[in-house]
Amino acid sequence: MKKWFAAGLLILSVGYTLYGLGTLTLVTSSGRPAAGFFPLLIGVLMMISCAINLWGDWREELAQRRSGTLPPHQADPEAEAKADALGVDAHGIDGGMDYGRDVLIVFLYICGFVAIMKPVGAFLAMVLFMLAFLFTFNRAHVVSNLIYSVALPGFLYGLFKVLLNASLPTSPFGF
């Protein structure tokens, strides 16, 4: 499962980079980096890190198959022992068939976030994404979910829109 998740992220990062190359201006007429330079840098770094991660996961899986040390989808005993010592319920935290549904949900939420960003604006899209994500995976903490769903997007909006003066999609309400 880890291998497939890493492969999916690599495909998304390649798509992000290709989209950026096709739609963004990388250099101004005076030869200085333009607004598209930073997203391209992020895309290339994402591709490199995802490729390294995929290679490592693939090699790990091959080594496990050759040695027969861990059956498929069994948690690492060392990781389980560390989690028990820290008092963390980490049963099966390394993935497995039980988490495929969660990966699909997160993937669909991210796709939805990207799809609604232009029509509803960056800030509202971030708030809706955080609400959906937190109320799916953290249902027991309603108040903290609401606080995080407004605070983190508010911080990111302030950072990018106000401090860095980056252009973000605006909502029909003007923010």
C-alpha atoms as a PDB file:
ATOM      1  CA  MET A   1       0.000   0.000   0.000  1.00  0.00           C
ATOM      2  CA  LYS A   2       2.836   2.389   0.815  1.00  0.00           C
ATOM      3  CA  LYS A   3       4.315   1.792  -2.610  1.00  0.00           C
ATOM      4  CA  TRP A   4       1.039   2.629  -4.364  1.00  0.00           C
ATOM      5  CA  PHE A   5       0.473   5.741  -2.271  1.00  0.00           C
ATOM      6  CA  ALA A   6       3.990   6.957  -3.088  1.00  0.00           C
ATOM      7  CA  ALA A   7       3.380   6.213  -6.785  1.00  0.00           C
ATOM      8  CA  GLY A   8       0.131   8.185  -6.690  1.00  0.00           C
ATOM      9  CA  LEU A   9       1.860  11.156  -5.097  1.00  0.00           C
ATOM     10  CA  LEU A  10       4.606  10.997  -7.717  1.00  0.00           C
ATOM     11  CA  ILE A  11       2.028  11.038 -10.510  1.00  0.00           C
ATOM     12  CA  LEU A  12       0.259  14.015  -8.925  1.00  0.00           C
ATOM     13  CA  SER A  13       3.539  15.907  -8.472  1.00  0.00           C
ATOM     14  CA  VAL A  14       4.500  15.291 -12.105  1.00  0.00           C
ATOM     15  CA  GLY A  15       1.068  16.523 -13.185  1.00  0.00           C
ATOM     16  CA  TYR A  16       1.384  19.598 -10.955  1.00  0.00           C
ATOM     17  CA  THR A  17       4.794  20.422 -12.402  1.00  0.00           C
ATOM     18  CA  LEU A  18       3.690  19.910 -16.006  1.00  0.00           C
ATOM     19  CA  TYR A  19       0.602  22.047 -15.421  1.00  0.00           C
ATOM     20  CA  GLY A  20       2.793  24.764 -13.917  1.00  0.00           C
ATOM     21  CA  LEU A  21       5.210  24.630 -16.828  1.00  0.00           C
ATOM     22  CA  GLY A  22       2.358  25.000 -19.274  1.00  0.00           C
ATOM     23  CA  THR A  23       0.429  27.772 -17.583  1.00  0.00           C
ATOM     24  CA  LEU A  24       2.816  29.887 -15.505  1.00  0.00           C
ATOM     25  CA  THR A  25       5.392  32.469 -16.506  1.00  0.00           C
ATOM     26  CA  LEU A  26       8.782  31.391 -15.205  1.00  0.00           C
ATOM     27  CA  VAL A  27      10.975  34.359 -16.183  1.00  0.00           C
ATOM     28  CA  THR A  28      10.139  38.025 -16.761  1.00  0.00           C
ATOM     29  CA  SER A  29      11.218  39.902 -19.871  1.00  0.00           C
ATOM     30  CA  SER A  30      14.165  41.290 -17.895  1.00  0.00           C
ATOM     31  CA  GLY A  31      15.348  37.767 -17.047  1.00  0.00           C
ATOM     32  CA  ARG A  32      14.255  37.766 -13.399  1.00  0.00           C
ATOM     33  CA  PRO A  33      12.232  34.939 -11.849  1.00  0.00           C
ATOM     34  CA  ALA A  34       8.503  35.497 -12.324  1.00  0.00           C
ATOM     35  CA  ALA A  35       5.524  34.348 -10.260  1.00  0.00           C
ATOM     36  CA  GLY A  36       5.663  30.835 -11.721  1.00  0.00           C
ATOM     37  CA  PHE A  37       9.225  30.164 -10.627  1.00  0.00           C
ATOM     38  CA  PHE A  38       8.413  29.237  -7.020  1.00  0.00           C
ATOM     39  CA  PRO A  39       5.595  26.785  -7.905  1.00  0.00           C
ATOM     40  CA  LEU A  40       7.930  25.156 -10.439  1.00  0.00           C
ATOM     41  CA  LEU A  41      10.610  24.789  -7.763  1.00  0.00           C
ATOM     42  CA  ILE A  42       8.054  23.238  -5.398  1.00  0.00           C
ATOM     43  CA  GLY A  43       6.895  20.860  -8.151  1.00  0.00           C
ATOM     44  CA  VAL A  44      10.431  19.704  -8.957  1.00  0.00           C
ATOM     45  CA  LEU A  45      11.214  19.186  -5.259  1.00  0.00           C
ATOM     46  CA  MET A  46       7.959  17.223  -4.870  1.00  0.00           C
ATOM     47  CA  MET A  47       8.852  15.012  -7.819  1.00  0.00           C
ATOM     48  CA  ILE A  48      12.329  14.331  -6.435  1.00  0.00           C
ATOM     49  CA  SER A  49      11.132  13.561  -2.914  1.00  0.00           C
ATOM     50  CA  CYS A  50       8.250  11.381  -4.141  1.00  0.00           C
ATOM     51  CA  ALA A  51      10.571   9.465  -6.484  1.00  0.00           C
ATOM     52  CA  ILE A  52      13.047   8.855  -3.658  1.00  0.00           C
ATOM     53  CA  ASN A  53      10.207   7.732  -1.383  1.00  0.00           C
ATOM     54  CA  LEU A  54       8.801   5.397  -4.043  1.00  0.00           C
ATOM     55  CA  TRP A  55      12.245   3.905  -4.707  1.00  0.00           C
ATOM     56  CA  GLY A  56      12.772   3.278  -0.983  1.00  0.00           C
ATOM     57  CA  ASP A  57       9.332   1.704  -0.552  1.00  0.00           C
ATOM     58  CA  TRP A  58       9.857  -0.491  -3.588  1.00  0.00           C
ATOM     59  CA  ARG A  59      13.270  -1.672  -2.367  1.00  0.00           C
ATOM     60  CA  GLU A  60      11.890  -2.311   1.125  1.00  0.00           C
ATOM     61  CA  GLU A  61       9.074  -4.418  -0.281  1.00  0.00           C
ATOM     62  CA  LEU A  62      11.484  -6.417  -2.436  1.00  0.00           C
ATOM     63  CA  ALA A  63      13.782  -7.043   0.529  1.00  0.00           C
ATOM     64  CA  GLN A  64      10.860  -8.202   2.656  1.00  0.00           C
ATOM     65  CA  ARG A  65       9.638 -10.555  -0.055  1.00  0.00           C
ATOM     66  CA  ARG A  66      13.109 -12.051  -0.528  1.00  0.00           C
ATOM     67  CA  SER A  67      13.798 -12.536   3.169  1.00  0.00           C
ATOM     68  CA  GLY A  68      10.261 -13.439   4.163  1.00  0.00           C
ATOM     69  CA  THR A  69      10.660 -11.475   7.410  1.00  0.00           C
ATOM     70  CA  LEU A  70       7.323  -9.695   7.426  1.00  0.00           C
ATOM     71  CA  PRO A  71       4.115 -11.026   5.940  1.00  0.00           C
ATOM     72  CA  PRO A  72       2.158  -8.483   3.894  1.00  0.00           C
ATOM     73  CA  HIS A  73       0.275  -5.873   5.940  1.00  0.00           C
ATOM     74  CA  GLN A  74       1.797  -6.778   9.305  1.00  0.00           C
ATOM     75  CA  ALA A  75       2.996  -3.923  11.471  1.00  0.00           C
ATOM     76  CA  ASP A  76       6.699  -3.658  12.273  1.00  0.00           C
ATOM     77  CA  PRO A  77       7.235  -5.145  15.768  1.00  0.00           C
ATOM     78  CA  GLU A  78       9.823  -2.483  16.650  1.00  0.00           C
ATOM     79  CA  ALA A  79       7.436   0.324  15.734  1.00  0.00           C
ATOM     80  CA  GLU A  80       4.663  -1.360  17.734  1.00  0.00           C
ATOM     81  CA  ALA A  81       6.955  -1.638  20.784  1.00  0.00           C
ATOM     82  CA  LYS A  82       7.910   2.043  20.572  1.00  0.00           C
ATOM     83  CA  ALA A  83       4.262   3.022  20.258  1.00  0.00           C
ATOM     84  CA  ASP A  84       3.335   0.894  23.267  1.00  0.00           C
ATOM     85  CA  ALA A  85       6.159   2.448  25.302  1.00  0.00           C
ATOM     86  CA  LEU A  86       4.854   5.921  24.416  1.00  0.00           C
ATOM     87  CA  GLY A  87       1.262   4.955  25.166  1.00  0.00           C
ATOM     88  CA  VAL A  88       0.140   5.468  21.566  1.00  0.00           C
ATOM     89  CA  ASP A  89      -2.437   3.212  19.952  1.00  0.00           C
ATOM     90  CA  ALA A  90      -0.566   2.566  16.724  1.00  0.00           C
ATOM     91  CA  HIS A  91      -1.918  -0.816  15.761  1.00  0.00           C
ATOM     92  CA  GLY A  92      -1.319  -1.182  12.063  1.00  0.00           C
ATOM     93  CA  ILE A  93      -0.168   2.409  11.675  1.00  0.00           C
ATOM     94  CA  ASP A  94       2.114   1.462   8.805  1.00  0.00           C
ATOM     95  CA  GLY A  95      -0.878   0.937   6.554  1.00  0.00           C
ATOM     96  CA  GLY A  96      -2.391  -2.124   5.112  1.00  0.00           C
ATOM     97  CA  MET A  97      -5.646  -3.026   3.476  1.00  0.00           C
ATOM     98  CA  ASP A  98      -7.686  -1.391   6.255  1.00  0.00           C
ATOM     99  CA  TYR A  99      -6.425   2.077   5.319  1.00  0.00           C
ATOM    100  CA  GLY A 100      -7.131   2.028   1.591  1.00  0.00           C
ATOM    101  CA  ARG A 101     -10.517   3.640   2.218  1.00  0.00           C
ATOM    102  CA  ASP A 102      -8.881   6.463   4.190  1.00  0.00           C
ATOM    103  CA  VAL A 103      -6.355   7.100   1.431  1.00  0.00           C
ATOM    104  CA  LEU A 104      -9.164   7.266  -1.104  1.00  0.00           C
ATOM    105  CA  ILE A 105     -11.124   9.691   1.080  1.00  0.00           C
ATOM    106  CA  VAL A 106      -8.114  11.998   1.512  1.00  0.00           C
ATOM    107  CA  PHE A 107      -7.409  11.850  -2.226  1.00  0.00           C
ATOM    108  CA  LEU A 108     -11.014  12.772  -3.041  1.00  0.00           C
ATOM    109  CA  TYR A 109     -10.995  15.606  -0.495  1.00  0.00           C
ATOM    110  CA  ILE A 110      -7.827  17.036  -2.037  1.00  0.00           C
ATOM    111  CA  CYS A 111      -9.313  16.790  -5.532  1.00  0.00           C
ATOM    112  CA  GLY A 112     -12.457  18.501  -4.276  1.00  0.00           C
ATOM    113  CA  PHE A 113     -10.374  21.215  -2.630  1.00  0.00           C
ATOM    114  CA  VAL A 114      -8.581  21.936  -5.899  1.00  0.00           C
ATOM    115  CA  ALA A 115     -11.857  21.865  -7.846  1.00  0.00           C
ATOM    116  CA  ILE A 116     -13.685  24.366  -5.621  1.00  0.00           C
ATOM    117  CA  MET A 117     -10.790  26.753  -5.006  1.00  0.00           C
ATOM    118  CA  LYS A 118     -11.539  29.058  -7.954  1.00  0.00           C
ATOM    119  CA  PRO A 119     -15.346  29.208  -7.613  1.00  0.00           C
ATOM    120  CA  VAL A 120     -15.455  29.752  -3.836  1.00  0.00           C
ATOM    121  CA  GLY A 121     -12.039  31.299  -3.208  1.00  0.00           C
ATOM    122  CA  ALA A 122      -8.922  30.030  -1.454  1.00  0.00           C
ATOM    123  CA  PHE A 123      -9.943  30.847   2.107  1.00  0.00           C
ATOM    124  CA  LEU A 124     -13.396  29.236   1.930  1.00  0.00           C
ATOM    125  CA  ALA A 125     -11.981  26.213   0.079  1.00  0.00           C
ATOM    126  CA  MET A 126      -9.383  25.747   2.831  1.00  0.00           C
ATOM    127  CA  VAL A 127     -12.034  26.047   5.545  1.00  0.00           C
ATOM    128  CA  LEU A 128     -14.333  23.551   3.805  1.00  0.00           C
ATOM    129  CA  PHE A 129     -11.443  21.128   3.234  1.00  0.00           C
ATOM    130  CA  MET A 130     -10.379  21.309   6.878  1.00  0.00           C
ATOM    131  CA  LEU A 131     -13.964  20.848   8.105  1.00  0.00           C
ATOM    132  CA  ALA A 132     -14.526  17.818   5.890  1.00  0.00           C
ATOM    133  CA  PHE A 133     -11.154  16.271   6.747  1.00  0.00           C
ATOM    134  CA  LEU A 134     -11.317  16.829  10.501  1.00  0.00           C
ATOM    135  CA  PHE A 135     -14.941  15.767  10.881  1.00  0.00           C
ATOM    136  CA  THR A 136     -14.178  12.596   8.918  1.00  0.00           C
ATOM    137  CA  PHE A 137     -11.100  11.540  10.871  1.00  0.00           C
ATOM    138  CA  ASN A 138     -11.546  13.330  14.225  1.00  0.00           C
ATOM    139  CA  ARG A 139     -15.274  13.267  14.980  1.00  0.00           C
ATOM    140  CA  ALA A 140     -14.941  13.301  18.759  1.00  0.00           C
ATOM    141  CA  HIS A 141     -13.414  16.797  19.011  1.00  0.00           C
ATOM    142  CA  VAL A 142     -16.033  19.143  17.563  1.00  0.00           C
ATOM    143  CA  VAL A 143     -14.785  22.379  19.152  1.00  0.00           C
ATOM    144  CA  SER A 144     -11.133  21.847  18.274  1.00  0.00           C
ATOM    145  CA  ASN A 145     -12.130  20.850  14.724  1.00  0.00           C
ATOM    146  CA  LEU A 146     -13.998  24.136  14.302  1.00  0.00           C
ATOM    147  CA  ILE A 147     -11.105  26.139  15.742  1.00  0.00           C
ATOM    148  CA  TYR A 148      -8.508  24.433  13.533  1.00  0.00           C
ATOM    149  CA  SER A 149     -10.753  24.698  10.466  1.00  0.00           C
ATOM    150  CA  VAL A 150     -10.797  28.475  10.760  1.00  0.00           C
ATOM    151  CA  ALA A 151      -7.415  29.178  12.401  1.00  0.00           C
ATOM    152  CA  LEU A 152      -5.122  27.307   9.995  1.00  0.00           C
ATOM    153  CA  PRO A 153      -6.731  28.651   6.803  1.00  0.00           C
ATOM    154  CA  GLY A 154      -6.789  32.104   8.383  1.00  0.00           C
ATOM    155  CA  PHE A 155      -3.072  31.880   9.143  1.00  0.00           C
ATOM    156  CA  LEU A 156      -2.245  30.580   5.658  1.00  0.00           C
ATOM    157  CA  TYR A 157      -4.414  33.210   3.990  1.00  0.00           C
ATOM    158  CA  GLY A 158      -2.722  35.933   6.028  1.00  0.00           C
ATOM    159  CA  LEU A 159       0.710  34.549   5.238  1.00  0.00           C
ATOM    160  CA  PHE A 160       0.243  34.231   1.496  1.00  0.00           C
ATOM    161  CA  LYS A 161      -2.218  37.029   0.697  1.00  0.00           C
ATOM    162  CA  VAL A 162      -1.151  39.706   3.169  1.00  0.00           C
ATOM    163  CA  LEU A 163       2.490  39.055   4.026  1.00  0.00           C
ATOM    164  CA  LEU A 164       3.769  37.532   0.767  1.00  0.00           C
ATOM    165  CA  ASN A 165       1.271  39.363  -1.474  1.00  0.00           C
ATOM    166  CA  ALA A 166       0.575  36.189  -3.444  1.00  0.00           C
ATOM    167  CA  SER A 167      -2.469  36.121  -5.648  1.00  0.00           C
ATOM    168  CA  LEU A 168      -5.038  33.656  -4.349  1.00  0.00           C
ATOM    169  CA  PRO A 169      -8.453  32.949  -5.807  1.00  0.00           C
ATOM    170  CA  THR A 170     -10.986  35.268  -4.200  1.00  0.00           C
ATOM    171  CA  SER A 171     -14.445  34.288  -3.095  1.00  0.00           C
ATOM    172  CA  PRO A 172     -17.636  35.894  -4.328  1.00  0.00           C
ATOM    173  CA  PHE A 173     -17.577  37.751  -0.983  1.00  0.00           C
ATOM    174  CA  GLY A 174     -14.247  39.436  -1.821  1.00  0.00           C
ATOM    175  CA  PHE A 175     -11.814  37.492   0.373  1.00  0.00           C
END
